[in-house]
Amino acid sequence: MHSKPMLIVVSGPPGTGKTTLAHRIAAAIGCPAICRDEIKEGMAHATPGFVPGPGDPLTMRTLSTFFDVVGLLIGRGTTVVAEAAFQDRLWNPGLSPLLGRADLRIVHCTTTAEVALERITARTAADPRRAAHEDAKISPDARVRTHNAFQSVDLPVPSITVDTSAEPSLDQIMAFLSR
């Protein structure tokens, strides 16, 4: 009898350290990390003159590509760490079809809006790949409102909330995942 692959969802508002944590978890487990922003950055390379904006066509293709890749890997029996700043309204329809095919766990990242905003500002200035995202176009006030209104993934699966204001304990997260 084969067990199901694990799907570890790393979620939370922008700037909460999700991508860093997703890669740390994936390295500790020995599985791929599928990160929505990294997919979008790769797609932007093939879209000359792309200008990010709310609901732009590339962003919409990224959403479906992300869930296609995660679903393909889970369907092939691969444990996966999936990371994105999706709110429940986007995670839920993408993850619900996978509930019977994977042992789903949610790691919700949280920090203060101020820390998240500092991180977003620093990475936008330091990383030219961030041009594929609309980070620089969102005002700080709007970013704080969005952070505070974030709707976490709400599925009937085990979840843990991790404060990422400082580097979280990987031991605690791995203990949660091994239950």
N, C-alpha and C. Protein backbone atom coordinates (compact mmCIF):
# COMPACT_ATOMS: atom_id res chain seq x y z
N MET A 1 0.84 -1.19 0.00
CA MET A 1 0.00 0.00 0.00
C MET A 1 0.89 1.25 0.00
N HIS A 2 0.57 2.20 -0.85
CA HIS A 2 1.35 3.43 -0.95
C HIS A 2 0.68 4.52 -0.13
N SER A 3 1.49 5.30 0.56
CA SER A 3 0.93 6.45 1.27
C SER A 3 0.87 7.63 0.31
N LYS A 4 0.11 8.62 0.69
CA LYS A 4 -0.03 9.81 -0.15
C LYS A 4 1.17 10.73 0.04
N PRO A 5 1.51 11.48 -1.01
CA PRO A 5 2.56 12.49 -0.83
C PRO A 5 2.05 13.60 0.08
N MET A 6 2.97 14.29 0.69
CA MET A 6 2.60 15.42 1.53
C MET A 6 2.62 16.69 0.68
N LEU A 7 1.65 17.55 0.92
CA LEU A 7 1.60 18.88 0.31
C LEU A 7 1.64 19.88 1.45
N ILE A 8 2.76 20.59 1.56
CA ILE A 8 2.94 21.59 2.60
C ILE A 8 2.70 22.95 1.97
N VAL A 9 1.64 23.61 2.39
CA VAL A 9 1.29 24.92 1.88
C VAL A 9 1.87 25.97 2.82
N VAL A 10 2.69 26.86 2.28
CA VAL A 10 3.26 27.95 3.06
C VAL A 10 2.58 29.21 2.57
N SER A 11 1.81 29.83 3.46
CA SER A 11 0.98 30.96 3.06
C SER A 11 1.14 32.10 4.06
N GLY A 12 0.60 33.24 3.68
CA GLY A 12 0.62 34.43 4.52
C GLY A 12 0.71 35.65 3.64
N PRO A 13 0.55 36.82 4.22
CA PRO A 13 0.62 38.05 3.44
C PRO A 13 2.01 38.27 2.83
N PRO A 14 2.11 39.12 1.82
CA PRO A 14 3.42 39.46 1.25
C PRO A 14 4.35 40.00 2.34
N GLY A 15 5.63 39.64 2.23
CA GLY A 15 6.63 40.16 3.16
C GLY A 15 6.73 39.41 4.47
N THR A 16 6.07 38.26 4.59
CA THR A 16 6.13 37.52 5.85
C THR A 16 7.19 36.43 5.86
N GLY A 17 8.01 36.35 4.83
CA GLY A 17 9.10 35.38 4.82
C GLY A 17 8.72 34.01 4.30
N LYS A 18 7.64 33.92 3.55
CA LYS A 18 7.14 32.64 3.05
C LYS A 18 8.14 31.93 2.14
N THR A 19 8.69 32.64 1.18
CA THR A 19 9.58 32.00 0.21
C THR A 19 10.83 31.46 0.89
N THR A 20 11.42 32.24 1.76
CA THR A 20 12.59 31.79 2.50
C THR A 20 12.27 30.55 3.31
N LEU A 21 11.15 30.58 4.02
CA LEU A 21 10.76 29.44 4.85
C LEU A 21 10.41 28.23 3.98
N ALA A 22 9.73 28.43 2.87
CA ALA A 22 9.37 27.32 1.98
C ALA A 22 10.63 26.60 1.49
N HIS A 23 11.65 27.36 1.11
CA HIS A 23 12.90 26.75 0.64
C HIS A 23 13.62 26.02 1.78
N ARG A 24 13.56 26.55 2.98
CA ARG A 24 14.18 25.87 4.13
C ARG A 24 13.47 24.55 4.42
N ILE A 25 12.13 24.57 4.39
CA ILE A 25 11.36 23.34 4.64
C ILE A 25 11.64 22.31 3.55
N ALA A 26 11.61 22.75 2.29
CA ALA A 26 11.85 21.83 1.17
C ALA A 26 13.24 21.20 1.26
N ALA A 27 14.24 21.99 1.64
CA ALA A 27 15.61 21.46 1.78
C ALA A 27 15.67 20.44 2.92
N ALA A 28 14.97 20.72 4.01
CA ALA A 28 14.99 19.80 5.16
C ALA A 28 14.29 18.48 4.83
N ILE A 29 13.24 18.55 4.04
CA ILE A 29 12.49 17.34 3.66
C ILE A 29 13.17 16.61 2.51
N GLY A 30 13.71 17.39 1.57
CA GLY A 30 14.27 16.81 0.35
C GLY A 30 13.22 16.71 -0.73
N CYS A 31 12.55 17.82 -0.98
CA CYS A 31 11.50 17.86 -2.00
C CYS A 31 11.51 19.24 -2.66
N PRO A 32 10.78 19.39 -3.78
CA PRO A 32 10.76 20.70 -4.44
C PRO A 32 9.90 21.73 -3.70
N ALA A 33 10.30 22.98 -3.83
CA ALA A 33 9.48 24.11 -3.39
C ALA A 33 8.95 24.77 -4.66
N ILE A 34 7.64 24.86 -4.78
CA ILE A 34 7.00 25.51 -5.91
C ILE A 34 6.49 26.85 -5.41
N CYS A 35 7.10 27.91 -5.90
CA CYS A 35 6.82 29.26 -5.40
C CYS A 35 6.17 30.09 -6.49
N ARG A 36 5.03 30.62 -6.21
CA ARG A 36 4.24 31.37 -7.19
C ARG A 36 5.04 32.53 -7.78
N ASP A 37 5.71 33.31 -6.97
CA ASP A 37 6.46 34.45 -7.49
C ASP A 37 7.59 34.02 -8.41
N GLU A 38 8.24 32.90 -8.11
CA GLU A 38 9.32 32.41 -8.96
C GLU A 38 8.78 31.97 -10.32
N ILE A 39 7.59 31.36 -10.33
CA ILE A 39 6.96 30.99 -11.60
C ILE A 39 6.67 32.25 -12.41
N LYS A 40 6.11 33.26 -11.75
CA LYS A 40 5.78 34.50 -12.46
C LYS A 40 7.03 35.18 -13.00
N GLU A 41 8.10 35.20 -12.22
CA GLU A 41 9.35 35.81 -12.69
C GLU A 41 9.87 35.08 -13.92
N GLY A 42 9.76 33.75 -13.93
CA GLY A 42 10.18 32.97 -15.10
C GLY A 42 9.31 33.25 -16.30
N MET A 43 8.02 33.41 -16.10
CA MET A 43 7.11 33.71 -17.21
C MET A 43 7.35 35.12 -17.75
N ALA A 44 7.74 36.04 -16.88
CA ALA A 44 7.98 37.42 -17.32
C ALA A 44 9.14 37.48 -18.31
N HIS A 45 10.11 36.56 -18.18
CA HIS A 45 11.23 36.53 -19.12
C HIS A 45 10.77 36.31 -20.56
N ALA A 46 9.69 35.58 -20.72
CA ALA A 46 9.18 35.25 -22.05
C ALA A 46 8.09 36.22 -22.50
N THR A 47 7.94 37.32 -21.78
CA THR A 47 6.89 38.30 -22.09
C THR A 47 7.53 39.68 -22.18
N PRO A 48 8.21 39.99 -23.30
CA PRO A 48 8.87 41.29 -23.43
C PRO A 48 7.89 42.45 -23.22
N GLY A 49 8.34 43.44 -22.48
CA GLY A 49 7.52 44.63 -22.25
C GLY A 49 6.42 44.44 -21.22
N PHE A 50 6.45 43.32 -20.51
CA PHE A 50 5.41 43.06 -19.50
C PHE A 50 5.41 44.15 -18.44
N VAL A 51 4.22 44.65 -18.12
CA VAL A 51 4.04 45.62 -17.05
C VAL A 51 3.01 45.03 -16.08
N PRO A 52 3.43 44.76 -14.83
CA PRO A 52 2.51 44.13 -13.88
C PRO A 52 1.39 45.07 -13.45
N GLY A 53 0.25 44.49 -13.16
CA GLY A 53 -0.89 45.24 -12.67
C GLY A 53 -1.93 44.28 -12.14
N PRO A 54 -2.89 44.79 -11.38
CA PRO A 54 -3.91 43.90 -10.82
C PRO A 54 -4.66 43.16 -11.94
N GLY A 55 -4.69 41.84 -11.82
CA GLY A 55 -5.44 41.03 -12.77
C GLY A 55 -4.86 40.99 -14.18
N ASP A 56 -3.58 41.36 -14.35
CA ASP A 56 -3.00 41.33 -15.69
C ASP A 56 -2.95 39.88 -16.20
N PRO A 57 -2.90 39.69 -17.52
CA PRO A 57 -2.95 38.33 -18.08
C PRO A 57 -1.84 37.41 -17.59
N LEU A 58 -0.64 37.92 -17.38
CA LEU A 58 0.45 37.07 -16.90
C LEU A 58 0.18 36.59 -15.48
N THR A 59 -0.34 37.46 -14.65
CA THR A 59 -0.67 37.07 -13.28
C THR A 59 -1.73 35.98 -13.29
N MET A 60 -2.71 36.10 -14.16
CA MET A 60 -3.77 35.09 -14.23
C MET A 60 -3.21 33.76 -14.74
N ARG A 61 -2.30 33.78 -15.71
CA ARG A 61 -1.67 32.54 -16.19
C ARG A 61 -0.79 31.93 -15.11
N THR A 62 -0.17 32.77 -14.32
CA THR A 62 0.68 32.27 -13.23
C THR A 62 -0.15 31.47 -12.23
N LEU A 63 -1.32 31.96 -11.90
CA LEU A 63 -2.20 31.28 -10.95
C LEU A 63 -2.50 29.86 -11.43
N SER A 64 -2.95 29.72 -12.66
CA SER A 64 -3.29 28.38 -13.16
C SER A 64 -2.05 27.52 -13.31
N THR A 65 -0.94 28.10 -13.74
CA THR A 65 0.30 27.34 -13.89
C THR A 65 0.76 26.80 -12.54
N PHE A 66 0.70 27.63 -11.51
CA PHE A 66 1.09 27.23 -10.16
C PHE A 66 0.32 25.98 -9.73
N PHE A 67 -1.01 26.03 -9.83
CA PHE A 67 -1.80 24.89 -9.40
C PHE A 67 -1.65 23.69 -10.33
N ASP A 68 -1.41 23.93 -11.63
CA ASP A 68 -1.14 22.82 -12.55
C ASP A 68 0.13 22.07 -12.14
N VAL A 69 1.19 22.83 -11.85
CA VAL A 69 2.47 22.21 -11.47
C VAL A 69 2.32 21.45 -10.15
N VAL A 70 1.70 22.06 -9.16
CA VAL A 70 1.50 21.39 -7.87
C VAL A 70 0.68 20.12 -8.07
N GLY A 71 -0.42 20.22 -8.83
CA GLY A 71 -1.27 19.05 -9.07
C GLY A 71 -0.55 17.94 -9.81
N LEU A 72 0.26 18.30 -10.79
CA LEU A 72 1.03 17.31 -11.55
C LEU A 72 1.99 16.56 -10.62
N LEU A 73 2.73 17.30 -9.80
CA LEU A 73 3.69 16.67 -8.90
C LEU A 73 2.99 15.78 -7.87
N ILE A 74 1.92 16.26 -7.29
CA ILE A 74 1.18 15.46 -6.31
C ILE A 74 0.64 14.20 -7.01
N GLY A 75 0.10 14.36 -8.22
CA GLY A 75 -0.43 13.23 -8.97
C GLY A 75 0.62 12.19 -9.29
N ARG A 76 1.87 12.58 -9.36
CA ARG A 76 2.98 11.66 -9.64
C ARG A 76 3.61 11.14 -8.35
N GLY A 77 2.99 11.47 -7.21
CA GLY A 77 3.48 10.95 -5.94
C GLY A 77 4.62 11.72 -5.32
N THR A 78 4.75 13.00 -5.66
CA THR A 78 5.85 13.82 -5.16
C THR A 78 5.41 14.69 -3.99
N THR A 79 6.14 14.62 -2.90
CA THR A 79 5.90 15.56 -1.80
C THR A 79 6.36 16.93 -2.28
N VAL A 80 5.57 17.96 -1.95
CA VAL A 80 5.80 19.31 -2.47
C VAL A 80 5.58 20.34 -1.37
N VAL A 81 6.41 21.38 -1.39
CA VAL A 81 6.14 22.59 -0.61
C VAL A 81 5.62 23.61 -1.62
N ALA A 82 4.41 24.12 -1.40
CA ALA A 82 3.80 25.10 -2.30
C ALA A 82 3.66 26.42 -1.55
N GLU A 83 4.21 27.49 -2.14
CA GLU A 83 4.24 28.78 -1.45
C GLU A 83 3.66 29.88 -2.31
N ALA A 84 2.77 30.66 -1.71
CA ALA A 84 2.20 31.83 -2.38
C ALA A 84 1.52 32.72 -1.35
N ALA A 85 1.31 33.97 -1.73
CA ALA A 85 0.61 34.93 -0.85
C ALA A 85 -0.88 34.93 -1.17
N PHE A 86 -1.39 33.80 -1.67
CA PHE A 86 -2.81 33.73 -1.97
C PHE A 86 -3.63 33.80 -0.69
N GLN A 87 -4.78 34.44 -0.80
CA GLN A 87 -5.72 34.41 0.30
C GLN A 87 -6.63 33.18 0.12
N ASP A 88 -7.46 32.90 1.08
CA ASP A 88 -8.28 31.69 1.05
C ASP A 88 -9.10 31.57 -0.23
N ARG A 89 -9.63 32.66 -0.74
CA ARG A 89 -10.48 32.59 -1.94
C ARG A 89 -9.74 32.05 -3.16
N LEU A 90 -8.40 32.13 -3.19
CA LEU A 90 -7.62 31.56 -4.28
C LEU A 90 -7.05 30.18 -3.91
N TRP A 91 -6.61 30.02 -2.67
CA TRP A 91 -6.06 28.72 -2.25
C TRP A 91 -7.14 27.65 -2.26
N ASN A 92 -8.29 27.95 -1.70
CA ASN A 92 -9.31 26.94 -1.48
C ASN A 92 -9.71 26.20 -2.75
N PRO A 93 -10.08 26.90 -3.85
CA PRO A 93 -10.46 26.15 -5.05
C PRO A 93 -9.28 25.41 -5.69
N GLY A 94 -8.07 25.89 -5.52
CA GLY A 94 -6.91 25.22 -6.08
C GLY A 94 -6.48 24.00 -5.28
N LEU A 95 -6.70 24.05 -3.97
CA LEU A 95 -6.27 22.95 -3.11
C LEU A 95 -7.35 21.90 -2.87
N SER A 96 -8.60 22.29 -2.87
CA SER A 96 -9.69 21.35 -2.57
C SER A 96 -9.63 20.07 -3.41
N PRO A 97 -9.35 20.16 -4.73
CA PRO A 97 -9.27 18.91 -5.51
C PRO A 97 -8.12 18.00 -5.09
N LEU A 98 -7.16 18.51 -4.34
CA LEU A 98 -6.00 17.72 -3.94
C LEU A 98 -6.17 17.08 -2.56
N LEU A 99 -7.25 17.40 -1.87
CA LEU A 99 -7.43 16.92 -0.49
C LEU A 99 -7.37 15.39 -0.40
N GLY A 100 -7.94 14.68 -1.33
CA GLY A 100 -7.93 13.23 -1.27
C GLY A 100 -6.66 12.61 -1.83
N ARG A 101 -5.85 13.42 -2.49
CA ARG A 101 -4.65 12.90 -3.16
C ARG A 101 -3.36 13.18 -2.41
N ALA A 102 -3.42 14.04 -1.38
CA ALA A 102 -2.22 14.44 -0.65
C ALA A 102 -2.52 14.59 0.83
N ASP A 103 -1.49 14.41 1.63
CA ASP A 103 -1.56 14.70 3.06
C ASP A 103 -1.23 16.19 3.19
N LEU A 104 -2.25 17.01 3.24
CA LEU A 104 -2.10 18.46 3.19
C LEU A 104 -1.86 19.04 4.58
N ARG A 105 -0.88 19.93 4.67
CA ARG A 105 -0.56 20.67 5.89
C ARG A 105 -0.38 22.13 5.53
N ILE A 106 -0.78 23.01 6.43
CA ILE A 106 -0.65 24.45 6.16
C ILE A 106 0.29 25.08 7.19
N VAL A 107 1.25 25.83 6.68
CA VAL A 107 2.14 26.62 7.51
C VAL A 107 1.81 28.08 7.20
N HIS A 108 1.19 28.74 8.15
CA HIS A 108 0.79 30.13 7.94
C HIS A 108 1.83 31.05 8.57
N CYS A 109 2.42 31.91 7.73
CA CYS A 109 3.44 32.85 8.19
C CYS A 109 2.79 34.17 8.60
N THR A 110 3.29 34.71 9.69
CA THR A 110 2.75 35.98 10.16
C THR A 110 3.89 36.84 10.73
N THR A 111 3.72 38.12 10.57
CA THR A 111 4.59 39.12 11.18
C THR A 111 3.78 40.42 11.21
N THR A 112 4.34 41.45 11.79
CA THR A 112 3.62 42.72 11.81
C THR A 112 3.60 43.34 10.42
N ALA A 113 2.63 44.20 10.18
CA ALA A 113 2.55 44.90 8.89
C ALA A 113 3.80 45.74 8.66
N GLU A 114 4.34 46.32 9.72
CA GLU A 114 5.53 47.16 9.59
C GLU A 114 6.74 46.35 9.13
N VAL A 115 6.95 45.18 9.72
CA VAL A 115 8.07 44.32 9.32
C VAL A 115 7.88 43.86 7.87
N ALA A 116 6.66 43.46 7.52
CA ALA A 116 6.38 43.02 6.15
C ALA A 116 6.66 44.14 5.16
N LEU A 117 6.25 45.34 5.48
CA LEU A 117 6.47 46.49 4.58
C LEU A 117 7.96 46.78 4.43
N GLU A 118 8.72 46.71 5.52
CA GLU A 118 10.18 46.91 5.43
C GLU A 118 10.81 45.87 4.51
N ARG A 119 10.38 44.62 4.62
CA ARG A 119 10.93 43.55 3.78
C ARG A 119 10.58 43.77 2.31
N ILE A 120 9.35 44.13 2.05
CA ILE A 120 8.91 44.36 0.66
C ILE A 120 9.70 45.51 0.05
N THR A 121 9.87 46.59 0.80
CA THR A 121 10.62 47.75 0.32
C THR A 121 12.07 47.37 0.02
N ALA A 122 12.68 46.60 0.92
CA ALA A 122 14.08 46.21 0.74
C ALA A 122 14.25 45.27 -0.46
N ARG A 123 13.37 44.31 -0.62
CA ARG A 123 13.55 43.37 -1.74
C ARG A 123 13.22 44.02 -3.08
N THR A 124 12.29 44.94 -3.10
CA THR A 124 11.97 45.65 -4.35
C THR A 124 13.17 46.46 -4.81
N ALA A 125 13.86 47.10 -3.86
CA ALA A 125 15.04 47.91 -4.20
C ALA A 125 16.23 47.05 -4.59
N ALA A 126 16.36 45.87 -3.99
CA ALA A 126 17.57 45.06 -4.16
C ALA A 126 17.49 44.01 -5.26
N ASP A 127 16.29 43.63 -5.69
CA ASP A 127 16.14 42.48 -6.59
C ASP A 127 15.43 42.89 -7.88
N PRO A 128 16.14 42.96 -8.99
CA PRO A 128 15.51 43.37 -10.25
C PRO A 128 14.41 42.42 -10.73
N ARG A 129 14.42 41.16 -10.26
CA ARG A 129 13.35 40.23 -10.64
C ARG A 129 12.00 40.67 -10.10
N ARG A 130 12.01 41.50 -9.08
CA ARG A 130 10.75 41.97 -8.48
C ARG A 130 9.97 42.86 -9.45
N ALA A 131 10.59 43.27 -10.56
CA ALA A 131 9.88 44.07 -11.56
C ALA A 131 8.71 43.30 -12.16
N ALA A 132 8.69 41.98 -12.03
CA ALA A 132 7.58 41.16 -12.53
C ALA A 132 6.35 41.28 -11.63
N HIS A 133 6.51 41.91 -10.48
CA HIS A 133 5.42 42.03 -9.51
C HIS A 133 5.07 43.51 -9.35
N GLU A 134 3.94 43.75 -8.77
CA GLU A 134 3.52 45.14 -8.62
C GLU A 134 3.89 45.73 -7.26
N ASP A 135 4.88 45.13 -6.59
CA ASP A 135 5.29 45.58 -5.27
C ASP A 135 5.48 47.09 -5.18
N ALA A 136 6.23 47.66 -6.12
CA ALA A 136 6.58 49.08 -6.05
C ALA A 136 5.39 49.98 -6.34
N LYS A 137 4.33 49.43 -6.94
CA LYS A 137 3.19 50.25 -7.34
C LYS A 137 2.12 50.35 -6.27
N ILE A 138 2.26 49.60 -5.20
CA ILE A 138 1.26 49.61 -4.13
C ILE A 138 1.74 50.54 -3.03
N SER A 139 0.89 51.47 -2.64
CA SER A 139 1.29 52.44 -1.61
C SER A 139 1.46 51.72 -0.27
N PRO A 140 2.31 52.30 0.60
CA PRO A 140 2.49 51.69 1.92
C PRO A 140 1.17 51.56 2.70
N ASP A 141 0.30 52.57 2.60
CA ASP A 141 -0.99 52.50 3.31
C ASP A 141 -1.84 51.35 2.79
N ALA A 142 -1.88 51.19 1.48
CA ALA A 142 -2.65 50.09 0.88
C ALA A 142 -2.04 48.75 1.26
N ARG A 143 -0.73 48.68 1.31
CA ARG A 143 -0.04 47.44 1.68
C ARG A 143 -0.40 47.04 3.11
N VAL A 144 -0.41 48.01 4.04
CA VAL A 144 -0.76 47.73 5.44
C VAL A 144 -2.22 47.28 5.53
N ARG A 145 -3.12 47.93 4.81
CA ARG A 145 -4.54 47.52 4.81
C ARG A 145 -4.69 46.09 4.30
N THR A 146 -4.00 45.77 3.21
CA THR A 146 -4.07 44.43 2.64
C THR A 146 -3.50 43.40 3.62
N HIS A 147 -2.38 43.74 4.25
CA HIS A 147 -1.77 42.85 5.24
C HIS A 147 -2.75 42.55 6.37
N ASN A 148 -3.37 43.59 6.90
CA ASN A 148 -4.27 43.43 8.05
C ASN A 148 -5.57 42.72 7.69
N ALA A 149 -5.96 42.75 6.42
CA ALA A 149 -7.22 42.12 5.99
C ALA A 149 -6.99 40.73 5.40
N PHE A 150 -5.77 40.21 5.43
CA PHE A 150 -5.44 38.94 4.80
C PHE A 150 -6.30 37.81 5.36
N GLN A 151 -6.88 37.02 4.46
CA GLN A 151 -7.70 35.87 4.83
C GLN A 151 -6.90 34.58 4.65
N SER A 152 -6.54 33.95 5.75
CA SER A 152 -5.72 32.74 5.72
C SER A 152 -6.45 31.57 5.07
N VAL A 153 -5.67 30.60 4.61
CA VAL A 153 -6.23 29.38 4.05
C VAL A 153 -7.09 28.71 5.11
N ASP A 154 -8.30 28.33 4.72
CA ASP A 154 -9.23 27.73 5.66
C ASP A 154 -9.72 26.40 5.10
N LEU A 155 -8.97 25.35 5.39
CA LEU A 155 -9.33 24.00 4.98
C LEU A 155 -9.27 23.09 6.20
N PRO A 156 -10.02 22.00 6.19
CA PRO A 156 -10.04 21.09 7.35
C PRO A 156 -8.81 20.17 7.39
N VAL A 157 -7.65 20.79 7.54
CA VAL A 157 -6.38 20.06 7.58
C VAL A 157 -5.52 20.63 8.70
N PRO A 158 -4.51 19.88 9.15
CA PRO A 158 -3.64 20.42 10.20
C PRO A 158 -2.93 21.70 9.74
N SER A 159 -2.83 22.66 10.65
CA SER A 159 -2.14 23.91 10.33
C SER A 159 -1.37 24.40 11.54
N ILE A 160 -0.38 25.22 11.24
CA ILE A 160 0.44 25.84 12.27
C ILE A 160 0.67 27.29 11.86
N THR A 161 0.67 28.19 12.82
CA THR A 161 0.99 29.59 12.56
C THR A 161 2.39 29.84 13.09
N VAL A 162 3.21 30.45 12.23
CA VAL A 162 4.61 30.67 12.56
C VAL A 162 4.90 32.17 12.50
N ASP A 163 5.39 32.73 13.61
CA ASP A 163 5.79 34.14 13.63
C ASP A 163 7.16 34.23 12.97
N THR A 164 7.21 34.95 11.85
CA THR A 164 8.46 35.06 11.09
C THR A 164 9.15 36.40 11.31
N SER A 165 8.82 37.09 12.40
CA SER A 165 9.49 38.35 12.70
C SER A 165 10.99 38.12 12.86
N ALA A 166 11.33 36.98 13.45
CA ALA A 166 12.71 36.50 13.51
C ALA A 166 12.71 35.14 12.82
N GLU A 167 13.87 34.57 12.58
CA GLU A 167 13.92 33.28 11.90
C GLU A 167 13.22 32.22 12.74
N PRO A 168 12.15 31.60 12.19
CA PRO A 168 11.40 30.62 12.98
C PRO A 168 12.18 29.31 13.15
N SER A 169 11.82 28.57 14.17
CA SER A 169 12.46 27.29 14.46
C SER A 169 12.01 26.24 13.45
N LEU A 170 12.95 25.76 12.68
CA LEU A 170 12.65 24.71 11.71
C LEU A 170 12.31 23.41 12.44
N ASP A 171 12.90 23.19 13.61
CA ASP A 171 12.61 21.98 14.40
C ASP A 171 11.12 21.91 14.75
N GLN A 172 10.56 23.03 15.18
CA GLN A 172 9.13 23.07 15.55
C GLN A 172 8.26 22.77 14.33
N ILE A 173 8.60 23.33 13.19
CA ILE A 173 7.82 23.11 11.97
C ILE A 173 7.95 21.66 11.51
N MET A 174 9.15 21.11 11.55
CA MET A 174 9.35 19.72 11.13
C MET A 174 8.63 18.76 12.08
N ALA A 175 8.58 19.07 13.37
CA ALA A 175 7.82 18.24 14.32
C ALA A 175 6.33 18.28 13.96
N PHE A 176 5.80 19.44 13.62
CA PHE A 176 4.41 19.56 13.19
C PHE A 176 4.17 18.73 11.93
N LEU A 177 5.08 18.78 10.97
CA LEU A 177 4.89 18.06 9.72
C LEU A 177 5.00 16.55 9.89
N SER A 178 5.71 16.11 10.91
CA SER A 178 5.89 14.66 11.09
C SER A 178 4.76 14.00 11.88
N ARG A 179 3.82 14.78 12.37
CA ARG A 179 2.69 14.20 13.12
C ARG A 179 1.74 13.47 12.22
